[in-house]
Amino acid sequence: MIINRETIQPVSLIASADNFVCRCEGTGWTLIEGKGVKECDCRIRAKTIRKLERIPPEYEHLRIESVAPDLKRHPRQSFVWQTVKKHPDLCYLLCGQPGAGKSAVLWALYARAVEQNRPAVAMPLSELIEDFRRAETASYGDEYLPELHPSKLQTICWAQQDLD
């Protein structure tokens, strides 16, 4: 489809009740003259809200910048939180006993990534390994097409494994 003035109308500024300016006239896309379209802020905002609603209630208040380690749960939790605060955009593989705080770290990273509109993957370690194995053994000829399901594409590279 060719995107031009006939297929998408130029945007106008529409102020909503909460002072949020929507530029798409309800389409979710804004026209960039001579370049095409991009997602409107209202569409990005709606996706962000939906993704943040996926966070379990016990973790929804956590943010990397304001969290305090709970040393009763695990003595090295302070080190983990310091590392994550210093390098929040890296990918982490967390292993440990149940209750050590792995989920808290990962949900805080997820919230940060969602709020920054960054793509990432959240999945159990067993599913991640299985996807890698399928991709390695699949015969795609010269083309490499890993299998990642849309349901797994959320916002944080999340591989978690509880040690029993």
N, C-alpha and C. Protein backbone atom coordinates (compact mmCIF):
# COMPACT_ATOMS: atom_id res chain seq x y z
N MET A 1 0.84 -1.18 0.00
CA MET A 1 0.00 0.00 0.00
C MET A 1 0.88 1.24 0.00
N ILE A 2 0.59 2.17 -0.87
CA ILE A 2 1.32 3.42 -0.91
C ILE A 2 0.67 4.39 0.05
N ILE A 3 1.49 4.98 0.88
CA ILE A 3 0.97 5.91 1.88
C ILE A 3 1.16 7.32 1.36
N ASN A 4 0.07 8.02 1.17
CA ASN A 4 0.12 9.41 0.75
C ASN A 4 -1.06 10.15 1.34
N ARG A 5 -1.25 11.37 0.91
CA ARG A 5 -2.29 12.21 1.47
C ARG A 5 -3.69 11.63 1.24
N GLU A 6 -3.88 10.83 0.21
CA GLU A 6 -5.19 10.25 -0.06
C GLU A 6 -5.50 9.06 0.84
N THR A 7 -4.47 8.30 1.25
CA THR A 7 -4.71 7.11 2.07
C THR A 7 -4.75 7.42 3.55
N ILE A 8 -4.02 8.43 4.00
CA ILE A 8 -4.05 8.84 5.41
C ILE A 8 -4.11 10.36 5.44
N GLN A 9 -5.06 10.87 6.16
CA GLN A 9 -5.21 12.31 6.28
C GLN A 9 -4.11 12.89 7.16
N PRO A 10 -3.63 14.08 6.86
CA PRO A 10 -2.67 14.72 7.75
C PRO A 10 -3.27 14.89 9.14
N VAL A 11 -2.41 14.86 10.12
CA VAL A 11 -2.89 14.88 11.50
C VAL A 11 -3.29 16.28 11.92
N SER A 12 -4.16 16.33 12.92
CA SER A 12 -4.48 17.60 13.55
C SER A 12 -4.30 17.42 15.04
N LEU A 13 -4.14 18.49 15.76
CA LEU A 13 -3.95 18.41 17.20
C LEU A 13 -5.31 18.36 17.88
N ILE A 14 -5.51 17.32 18.67
CA ILE A 14 -6.75 17.16 19.41
C ILE A 14 -6.38 17.02 20.87
N ALA A 15 -6.79 17.93 21.71
CA ALA A 15 -6.47 17.87 23.14
C ALA A 15 -7.54 17.06 23.85
N SER A 16 -7.13 16.14 24.69
CA SER A 16 -8.07 15.36 25.48
C SER A 16 -8.21 16.00 26.86
N ALA A 17 -9.06 15.41 27.68
CA ALA A 17 -9.35 15.97 29.00
C ALA A 17 -8.11 15.99 29.90
N ASP A 18 -7.20 15.06 29.72
CA ASP A 18 -6.02 15.02 30.59
C ASP A 18 -4.80 15.71 29.97
N ASN A 19 -5.04 16.63 29.06
CA ASN A 19 -4.00 17.41 28.39
C ASN A 19 -3.06 16.58 27.53
N PHE A 20 -3.47 15.37 27.18
CA PHE A 20 -2.67 14.52 26.30
C PHE A 20 -3.04 14.89 24.87
N VAL A 21 -2.06 15.21 24.04
CA VAL A 21 -2.33 15.64 22.68
C VAL A 21 -2.24 14.45 21.73
N CYS A 22 -3.33 14.18 21.05
CA CYS A 22 -3.37 13.10 20.06
C CYS A 22 -3.29 13.72 18.67
N ARG A 23 -2.44 13.17 17.83
CA ARG A 23 -2.23 13.74 16.51
C ARG A 23 -2.73 12.85 15.38
N CYS A 24 -3.46 11.79 15.71
CA CYS A 24 -3.80 10.80 14.69
C CYS A 24 -5.27 10.78 14.27
N GLU A 25 -6.09 11.56 14.92
CA GLU A 25 -7.53 11.57 14.63
C GLU A 25 -8.13 10.18 14.77
N GLY A 26 -7.64 9.42 15.74
CA GLY A 26 -8.21 8.11 16.03
C GLY A 26 -7.65 6.94 15.24
N THR A 27 -6.70 7.15 14.35
CA THR A 27 -6.16 6.05 13.55
C THR A 27 -5.04 5.30 14.25
N GLY A 28 -4.35 5.97 15.19
CA GLY A 28 -3.20 5.36 15.85
C GLY A 28 -1.89 5.60 15.11
N TRP A 29 -1.95 6.30 13.98
CA TRP A 29 -0.76 6.56 13.17
C TRP A 29 -0.73 8.02 12.77
N THR A 30 0.47 8.59 12.69
CA THR A 30 0.62 9.96 12.23
C THR A 30 1.39 9.98 10.92
N LEU A 31 0.98 10.86 10.04
CA LEU A 31 1.61 11.01 8.74
C LEU A 31 2.82 11.92 8.86
N ILE A 32 3.93 11.46 8.34
CA ILE A 32 5.15 12.25 8.27
C ILE A 32 5.32 12.62 6.81
N GLU A 33 5.07 13.88 6.49
CA GLU A 33 5.10 14.33 5.09
C GLU A 33 6.36 13.85 4.36
N GLY A 34 6.16 13.17 3.26
CA GLY A 34 7.25 12.71 2.41
C GLY A 34 8.02 11.52 2.93
N LYS A 35 7.65 11.00 4.13
CA LYS A 35 8.41 9.89 4.71
C LYS A 35 7.56 8.67 5.03
N GLY A 36 6.29 8.84 5.28
CA GLY A 36 5.45 7.70 5.65
C GLY A 36 4.68 7.97 6.93
N VAL A 37 4.55 6.93 7.75
CA VAL A 37 3.81 7.07 8.99
C VAL A 37 4.62 6.54 10.16
N LYS A 38 4.20 6.94 11.36
CA LYS A 38 4.77 6.38 12.59
C LYS A 38 3.63 6.24 13.59
N GLU A 39 3.86 5.42 14.61
CA GLU A 39 2.85 5.24 15.64
C GLU A 39 2.59 6.55 16.36
N CYS A 40 1.31 6.82 16.58
CA CYS A 40 0.93 8.02 17.32
C CYS A 40 1.20 7.79 18.81
N ASP A 41 1.41 8.86 19.53
CA ASP A 41 1.66 8.77 20.97
C ASP A 41 0.49 8.10 21.69
N CYS A 42 -0.74 8.31 21.21
CA CYS A 42 -1.90 7.70 21.88
C CYS A 42 -1.86 6.18 21.76
N ARG A 43 -1.40 5.67 20.62
CA ARG A 43 -1.29 4.22 20.42
C ARG A 43 -0.19 3.64 21.31
N ILE A 44 0.94 4.33 21.36
CA ILE A 44 2.05 3.90 22.21
C ILE A 44 1.62 3.91 23.67
N ARG A 45 0.91 4.95 24.06
CA ARG A 45 0.44 5.07 25.44
C ARG A 45 -0.52 3.92 25.79
N ALA A 46 -1.44 3.60 24.88
CA ALA A 46 -2.38 2.51 25.13
C ALA A 46 -1.65 1.17 25.26
N LYS A 47 -0.65 0.92 24.42
CA LYS A 47 0.13 -0.32 24.51
C LYS A 47 0.89 -0.38 25.83
N THR A 48 1.44 0.74 26.24
CA THR A 48 2.18 0.80 27.51
C THR A 48 1.27 0.45 28.67
N ILE A 49 0.08 1.01 28.69
CA ILE A 49 -0.88 0.73 29.76
C ILE A 49 -1.24 -0.75 29.78
N ARG A 50 -1.51 -1.34 28.60
CA ARG A 50 -1.85 -2.77 28.53
C ARG A 50 -0.71 -3.64 29.05
N LYS A 51 0.52 -3.30 28.68
CA LYS A 51 1.67 -4.10 29.12
C LYS A 51 1.89 -3.96 30.62
N LEU A 52 1.74 -2.76 31.16
CA LEU A 52 1.92 -2.57 32.60
C LEU A 52 0.84 -3.31 33.40
N GLU A 53 -0.33 -3.48 32.81
CA GLU A 53 -1.40 -4.21 33.49
C GLU A 53 -1.10 -5.70 33.61
N ARG A 54 -0.12 -6.20 32.86
CA ARG A 54 0.28 -7.61 32.95
C ARG A 54 1.11 -7.91 34.20
N ILE A 55 1.65 -6.88 34.79
CA ILE A 55 2.50 -7.07 35.97
C ILE A 55 1.62 -7.52 37.14
N PRO A 56 1.99 -8.62 37.80
CA PRO A 56 1.21 -9.08 38.96
C PRO A 56 1.14 -7.99 40.03
N PRO A 57 0.02 -7.92 40.75
CA PRO A 57 -0.18 -6.84 41.74
C PRO A 57 0.95 -6.72 42.76
N GLU A 58 1.52 -7.83 43.18
CA GLU A 58 2.57 -7.74 44.20
C GLU A 58 3.86 -7.10 43.69
N TYR A 59 4.00 -6.94 42.36
CA TYR A 59 5.21 -6.35 41.79
C TYR A 59 4.96 -5.02 41.10
N GLU A 60 3.71 -4.59 40.93
CA GLU A 60 3.42 -3.42 40.11
C GLU A 60 3.99 -2.12 40.68
N HIS A 61 4.28 -2.06 41.96
CA HIS A 61 4.83 -0.85 42.57
C HIS A 61 6.35 -0.75 42.41
N LEU A 62 7.01 -1.82 42.00
CA LEU A 62 8.47 -1.84 41.94
C LEU A 62 9.01 -1.04 40.75
N ARG A 63 9.97 -0.20 41.03
CA ARG A 63 10.70 0.51 40.00
C ARG A 63 12.17 0.44 40.38
N ILE A 64 13.02 0.22 39.42
CA ILE A 64 14.45 0.01 39.65
C ILE A 64 15.06 1.14 40.48
N GLU A 65 14.68 2.36 40.17
CA GLU A 65 15.29 3.52 40.82
C GLU A 65 14.96 3.61 42.31
N SER A 66 13.81 3.08 42.73
CA SER A 66 13.38 3.30 44.10
C SER A 66 13.33 2.04 44.97
N VAL A 67 13.68 0.90 44.43
CA VAL A 67 13.58 -0.35 45.20
C VAL A 67 14.73 -0.45 46.21
N ALA A 68 14.42 -1.05 47.35
CA ALA A 68 15.44 -1.30 48.37
C ALA A 68 15.59 -2.81 48.54
N PRO A 69 16.82 -3.32 48.58
CA PRO A 69 17.01 -4.76 48.73
C PRO A 69 16.50 -5.27 50.08
N ASP A 70 16.00 -6.50 50.06
CA ASP A 70 15.54 -7.16 51.29
C ASP A 70 16.55 -8.24 51.63
N LEU A 71 17.51 -7.92 52.48
CA LEU A 71 18.60 -8.85 52.79
C LEU A 71 18.13 -10.08 53.56
N LYS A 72 16.94 -10.03 54.12
CA LYS A 72 16.39 -11.22 54.79
C LYS A 72 16.08 -12.31 53.77
N ARG A 73 15.72 -11.88 52.57
CA ARG A 73 15.39 -12.86 51.53
C ARG A 73 16.66 -13.53 50.99
N HIS A 74 17.69 -12.71 50.72
CA HIS A 74 18.94 -13.26 50.19
C HIS A 74 20.05 -12.26 50.48
N PRO A 75 21.19 -12.72 51.04
CA PRO A 75 22.26 -11.80 51.42
C PRO A 75 22.90 -11.05 50.25
N ARG A 76 22.82 -11.59 49.04
CA ARG A 76 23.45 -10.93 47.89
C ARG A 76 22.46 -10.09 47.09
N GLN A 77 21.24 -9.94 47.61
CA GLN A 77 20.24 -9.17 46.89
C GLN A 77 20.69 -7.72 46.68
N SER A 78 21.41 -7.17 47.63
CA SER A 78 21.91 -5.81 47.50
C SER A 78 22.83 -5.68 46.29
N PHE A 79 23.72 -6.65 46.09
CA PHE A 79 24.63 -6.65 44.94
C PHE A 79 23.84 -6.71 43.62
N VAL A 80 22.82 -7.57 43.59
CA VAL A 80 22.01 -7.72 42.38
C VAL A 80 21.32 -6.40 42.04
N TRP A 81 20.67 -5.79 43.04
CA TRP A 81 19.96 -4.53 42.79
C TRP A 81 20.92 -3.42 42.38
N GLN A 82 22.11 -3.36 42.99
CA GLN A 82 23.09 -2.33 42.60
C GLN A 82 23.50 -2.52 41.15
N THR A 83 23.73 -3.77 40.75
CA THR A 83 24.11 -4.07 39.38
C THR A 83 23.01 -3.69 38.40
N VAL A 84 21.78 -4.06 38.73
CA VAL A 84 20.64 -3.76 37.85
C VAL A 84 20.42 -2.25 37.76
N LYS A 85 20.56 -1.55 38.87
CA LYS A 85 20.40 -0.09 38.85
C LYS A 85 21.48 0.57 37.98
N LYS A 86 22.70 0.04 38.06
CA LYS A 86 23.81 0.60 37.29
C LYS A 86 23.70 0.28 35.80
N HIS A 87 23.17 -0.91 35.47
CA HIS A 87 23.08 -1.37 34.08
C HIS A 87 21.67 -1.91 33.79
N PRO A 88 20.65 -1.06 33.80
CA PRO A 88 19.27 -1.54 33.66
C PRO A 88 18.90 -2.01 32.25
N ASP A 89 19.73 -1.70 31.27
CA ASP A 89 19.38 -2.07 29.90
C ASP A 89 20.06 -3.34 29.41
N LEU A 90 20.75 -4.04 30.31
CA LEU A 90 21.36 -5.31 29.93
C LEU A 90 20.36 -6.43 30.06
N CYS A 91 20.72 -7.60 29.56
CA CYS A 91 19.89 -8.80 29.66
C CYS A 91 20.42 -9.63 30.81
N TYR A 92 19.52 -10.15 31.63
CA TYR A 92 19.93 -10.88 32.83
C TYR A 92 19.35 -12.29 32.85
N LEU A 93 20.14 -13.21 33.36
CA LEU A 93 19.70 -14.57 33.66
C LEU A 93 19.84 -14.70 35.17
N LEU A 94 18.73 -14.84 35.88
CA LEU A 94 18.75 -14.93 37.33
C LEU A 94 18.39 -16.33 37.77
N CYS A 95 19.20 -16.88 38.62
CA CYS A 95 18.94 -18.20 39.19
C CYS A 95 19.00 -18.08 40.71
N GLY A 96 18.22 -18.90 41.39
CA GLY A 96 18.27 -18.87 42.84
C GLY A 96 17.11 -19.60 43.46
N GLN A 97 17.14 -19.69 44.76
CA GLN A 97 16.09 -20.37 45.51
C GLN A 97 14.78 -19.61 45.39
N PRO A 98 13.66 -20.30 45.52
CA PRO A 98 12.36 -19.61 45.54
C PRO A 98 12.34 -18.57 46.67
N GLY A 99 11.83 -17.38 46.36
CA GLY A 99 11.73 -16.33 47.36
C GLY A 99 12.95 -15.43 47.48
N ALA A 100 13.97 -15.66 46.65
CA ALA A 100 15.20 -14.86 46.74
C ALA A 100 15.05 -13.46 46.15
N GLY A 101 14.04 -13.24 45.31
CA GLY A 101 13.81 -11.92 44.73
C GLY A 101 14.00 -11.84 43.23
N LYS A 102 14.10 -12.99 42.56
CA LYS A 102 14.31 -13.00 41.11
C LYS A 102 13.16 -12.32 40.39
N SER A 103 11.94 -12.67 40.74
CA SER A 103 10.78 -12.10 40.06
C SER A 103 10.68 -10.60 40.28
N ALA A 104 11.02 -10.13 41.47
CA ALA A 104 10.97 -8.70 41.75
C ALA A 104 11.92 -7.94 40.83
N VAL A 105 13.14 -8.45 40.67
CA VAL A 105 14.12 -7.81 39.78
C VAL A 105 13.59 -7.80 38.35
N LEU A 106 13.11 -8.94 37.90
CA LEU A 106 12.68 -9.05 36.52
C LEU A 106 11.44 -8.21 36.22
N TRP A 107 10.48 -8.16 37.14
CA TRP A 107 9.29 -7.33 36.91
C TRP A 107 9.66 -5.84 36.93
N ALA A 108 10.63 -5.46 37.76
CA ALA A 108 11.08 -4.06 37.76
C ALA A 108 11.76 -3.72 36.43
N LEU A 109 12.56 -4.64 35.90
CA LEU A 109 13.18 -4.44 34.59
C LEU A 109 12.12 -4.37 33.49
N TYR A 110 11.13 -5.23 33.58
CA TYR A 110 10.03 -5.24 32.63
C TYR A 110 9.31 -3.89 32.63
N ALA A 111 8.98 -3.39 33.81
CA ALA A 111 8.26 -2.11 33.92
C ALA A 111 9.10 -0.99 33.29
N ARG A 112 10.39 -0.99 33.56
CA ARG A 112 11.27 0.05 33.00
C ARG A 112 11.26 -0.01 31.47
N ALA A 113 11.41 -1.20 30.93
CA ALA A 113 11.43 -1.35 29.48
C ALA A 113 10.10 -0.93 28.86
N VAL A 114 8.99 -1.33 29.46
CA VAL A 114 7.67 -0.95 28.96
C VAL A 114 7.52 0.57 28.97
N GLU A 115 7.90 1.19 30.07
CA GLU A 115 7.76 2.64 30.18
C GLU A 115 8.64 3.39 29.19
N GLN A 116 9.70 2.73 28.70
CA GLN A 116 10.58 3.34 27.70
C GLN A 116 10.22 2.89 26.28
N ASN A 117 9.10 2.16 26.15
CA ASN A 117 8.64 1.67 24.84
C ASN A 117 9.70 0.85 24.11
N ARG A 118 10.39 -0.03 24.86
CA ARG A 118 11.41 -0.89 24.27
C ARG A 118 10.89 -2.31 24.14
N PRO A 119 11.18 -2.97 23.04
CA PRO A 119 10.77 -4.37 22.89
C PRO A 119 11.72 -5.31 23.64
N ALA A 120 11.20 -6.44 24.07
CA ALA A 120 12.02 -7.45 24.73
C ALA A 120 11.21 -8.74 24.80
N VAL A 121 11.82 -9.76 25.36
CA VAL A 121 11.18 -11.07 25.45
C VAL A 121 11.12 -11.47 26.91
N ALA A 122 9.97 -11.96 27.34
CA ALA A 122 9.81 -12.48 28.70
C ALA A 122 9.33 -13.91 28.59
N MET A 123 10.12 -14.84 29.12
CA MET A 123 9.74 -16.25 29.03
C MET A 123 10.53 -17.07 30.05
N PRO A 124 9.97 -18.20 30.44
CA PRO A 124 10.71 -19.11 31.32
C PRO A 124 11.95 -19.65 30.59
N LEU A 125 12.98 -19.96 31.34
CA LEU A 125 14.22 -20.47 30.77
C LEU A 125 13.98 -21.72 29.93
N SER A 126 13.10 -22.61 30.37
CA SER A 126 12.86 -23.84 29.63
C SER A 126 12.31 -23.54 28.23
N GLU A 127 11.44 -22.54 28.08
CA GLU A 127 10.91 -22.18 26.76
C GLU A 127 11.98 -21.53 25.90
N LEU A 128 12.83 -20.71 26.51
CA LEU A 128 13.91 -20.07 25.77
C LEU A 128 14.86 -21.11 25.19
N ILE A 129 15.24 -22.08 26.01
CA ILE A 129 16.14 -23.14 25.55
C ILE A 129 15.48 -23.95 24.44
N GLU A 130 14.21 -24.28 24.60
CA GLU A 130 13.49 -25.04 23.57
C GLU A 130 13.44 -24.27 22.25
N ASP A 131 13.20 -22.97 22.28
CA ASP A 131 13.19 -22.17 21.06
C ASP A 131 14.56 -22.15 20.39
N PHE A 132 15.63 -22.04 21.18
CA PHE A 132 16.97 -22.08 20.61
C PHE A 132 17.23 -23.44 19.95
N ARG A 133 16.82 -24.51 20.62
CA ARG A 133 17.04 -25.85 20.05
C ARG A 133 16.29 -26.01 18.73
N ARG A 134 15.04 -25.57 18.68
CA ARG A 134 14.26 -25.66 17.44
C ARG A 134 14.90 -24.84 16.34
N ALA A 135 15.38 -23.65 16.66
CA ALA A 135 16.00 -22.79 15.66
C ALA A 135 17.30 -23.40 15.14
N GLU A 136 18.07 -24.04 16.04
CA GLU A 136 19.33 -24.67 15.63
C GLU A 136 19.11 -25.86 14.71
N THR A 137 18.09 -26.64 14.99
CA THR A 137 17.88 -27.88 14.23
C THR A 137 16.97 -27.70 13.03
N ALA A 138 16.32 -26.57 12.89
CA ALA A 138 15.42 -26.35 11.76
C ALA A 138 16.23 -26.16 10.49
N SER A 139 15.68 -26.61 9.38
CA SER A 139 16.36 -26.43 8.10
C SER A 139 15.64 -25.33 7.32
N TYR A 140 16.25 -24.15 7.31
CA TYR A 140 15.69 -23.01 6.61
C TYR A 140 16.48 -22.68 5.35
N GLY A 141 17.36 -23.55 4.95
CA GLY A 141 18.22 -23.25 3.82
C GLY A 141 19.21 -22.18 4.21
N ASP A 142 19.29 -21.14 3.42
CA ASP A 142 20.21 -20.04 3.71
C ASP A 142 19.61 -19.00 4.64
N GLU A 143 18.33 -19.17 4.98
CA GLU A 143 17.64 -18.16 5.77
C GLU A 143 17.46 -18.64 7.20
N TYR A 144 17.76 -17.79 8.16
CA TYR A 144 17.61 -18.13 9.57
C TYR A 144 16.33 -17.47 10.10
N LEU A 145 15.38 -18.27 10.50
CA LEU A 145 14.11 -17.77 11.02
C LEU A 145 13.83 -18.40 12.38
N PRO A 146 14.25 -17.78 13.48
CA PRO A 146 13.96 -18.35 14.79
C PRO A 146 12.47 -18.29 15.08
N GLU A 147 12.00 -19.23 15.86
CA GLU A 147 10.58 -19.27 16.19
C GLU A 147 10.36 -18.59 17.54
N LEU A 148 9.78 -17.42 17.50
CA LEU A 148 9.40 -16.71 18.72
C LEU A 148 7.94 -16.34 18.58
N HIS A 149 7.13 -16.83 19.45
CA HIS A 149 5.70 -16.59 19.40
C HIS A 149 5.38 -15.18 19.87
N PRO A 150 4.39 -14.49 19.24
CA PRO A 150 4.02 -13.14 19.67
C PRO A 150 3.65 -13.07 21.15
N SER A 151 3.10 -14.15 21.69
CA SER A 151 2.73 -14.13 23.11
C SER A 151 3.96 -14.01 24.00
N LYS A 152 5.13 -14.36 23.47
CA LYS A 152 6.36 -14.29 24.26
C LYS A 152 7.04 -12.93 24.13
N LEU A 153 6.64 -12.15 23.13
CA LEU A 153 7.28 -10.87 22.91
C LEU A 153 6.63 -9.84 23.81
N GLN A 154 7.29 -9.53 24.89
CA GLN A 154 6.76 -8.54 25.81
C GLN A 154 7.78 -7.43 25.92
N THR A 155 8.50 -7.37 26.99
CA THR A 155 9.41 -6.25 27.08
C THR A 155 10.71 -6.50 27.80
N ILE A 156 10.96 -7.63 28.25
CA ILE A 156 12.23 -7.82 28.94
C ILE A 156 12.79 -9.19 28.58
N CYS A 157 14.08 -9.28 28.37
CA CYS A 157 14.67 -10.58 28.14
C CYS A 157 14.70 -11.27 29.49
N TRP A 158 13.78 -12.18 29.70
CA TRP A 158 13.52 -12.74 31.02
C TRP A 158 13.73 -14.23 30.97
N ALA A 159 14.74 -14.70 31.60
CA ALA A 159 14.95 -16.14 31.74
C ALA A 159 15.12 -16.41 33.22
N GLN A 160 14.20 -17.15 33.79
CA GLN A 160 14.20 -17.37 35.23
C GLN A 160 14.12 -18.86 35.50
N GLN A 161 14.90 -19.33 36.44
CA GLN A 161 14.89 -20.73 36.80
C GLN A 161 15.01 -20.84 38.30
N ASP A 162 14.05 -21.48 38.94
CA ASP A 162 14.14 -21.73 40.38
C ASP A 162 14.99 -22.97 40.61
N LEU A 163 15.86 -22.91 41.58
CA LEU A 163 16.66 -24.07 41.94
C LEU A 163 15.99 -24.77 43.12
N ASP A 164 15.76 -26.04 42.99
CA ASP A 164 15.12 -26.79 44.08
C ASP A 164 16.15 -27.52 44.92
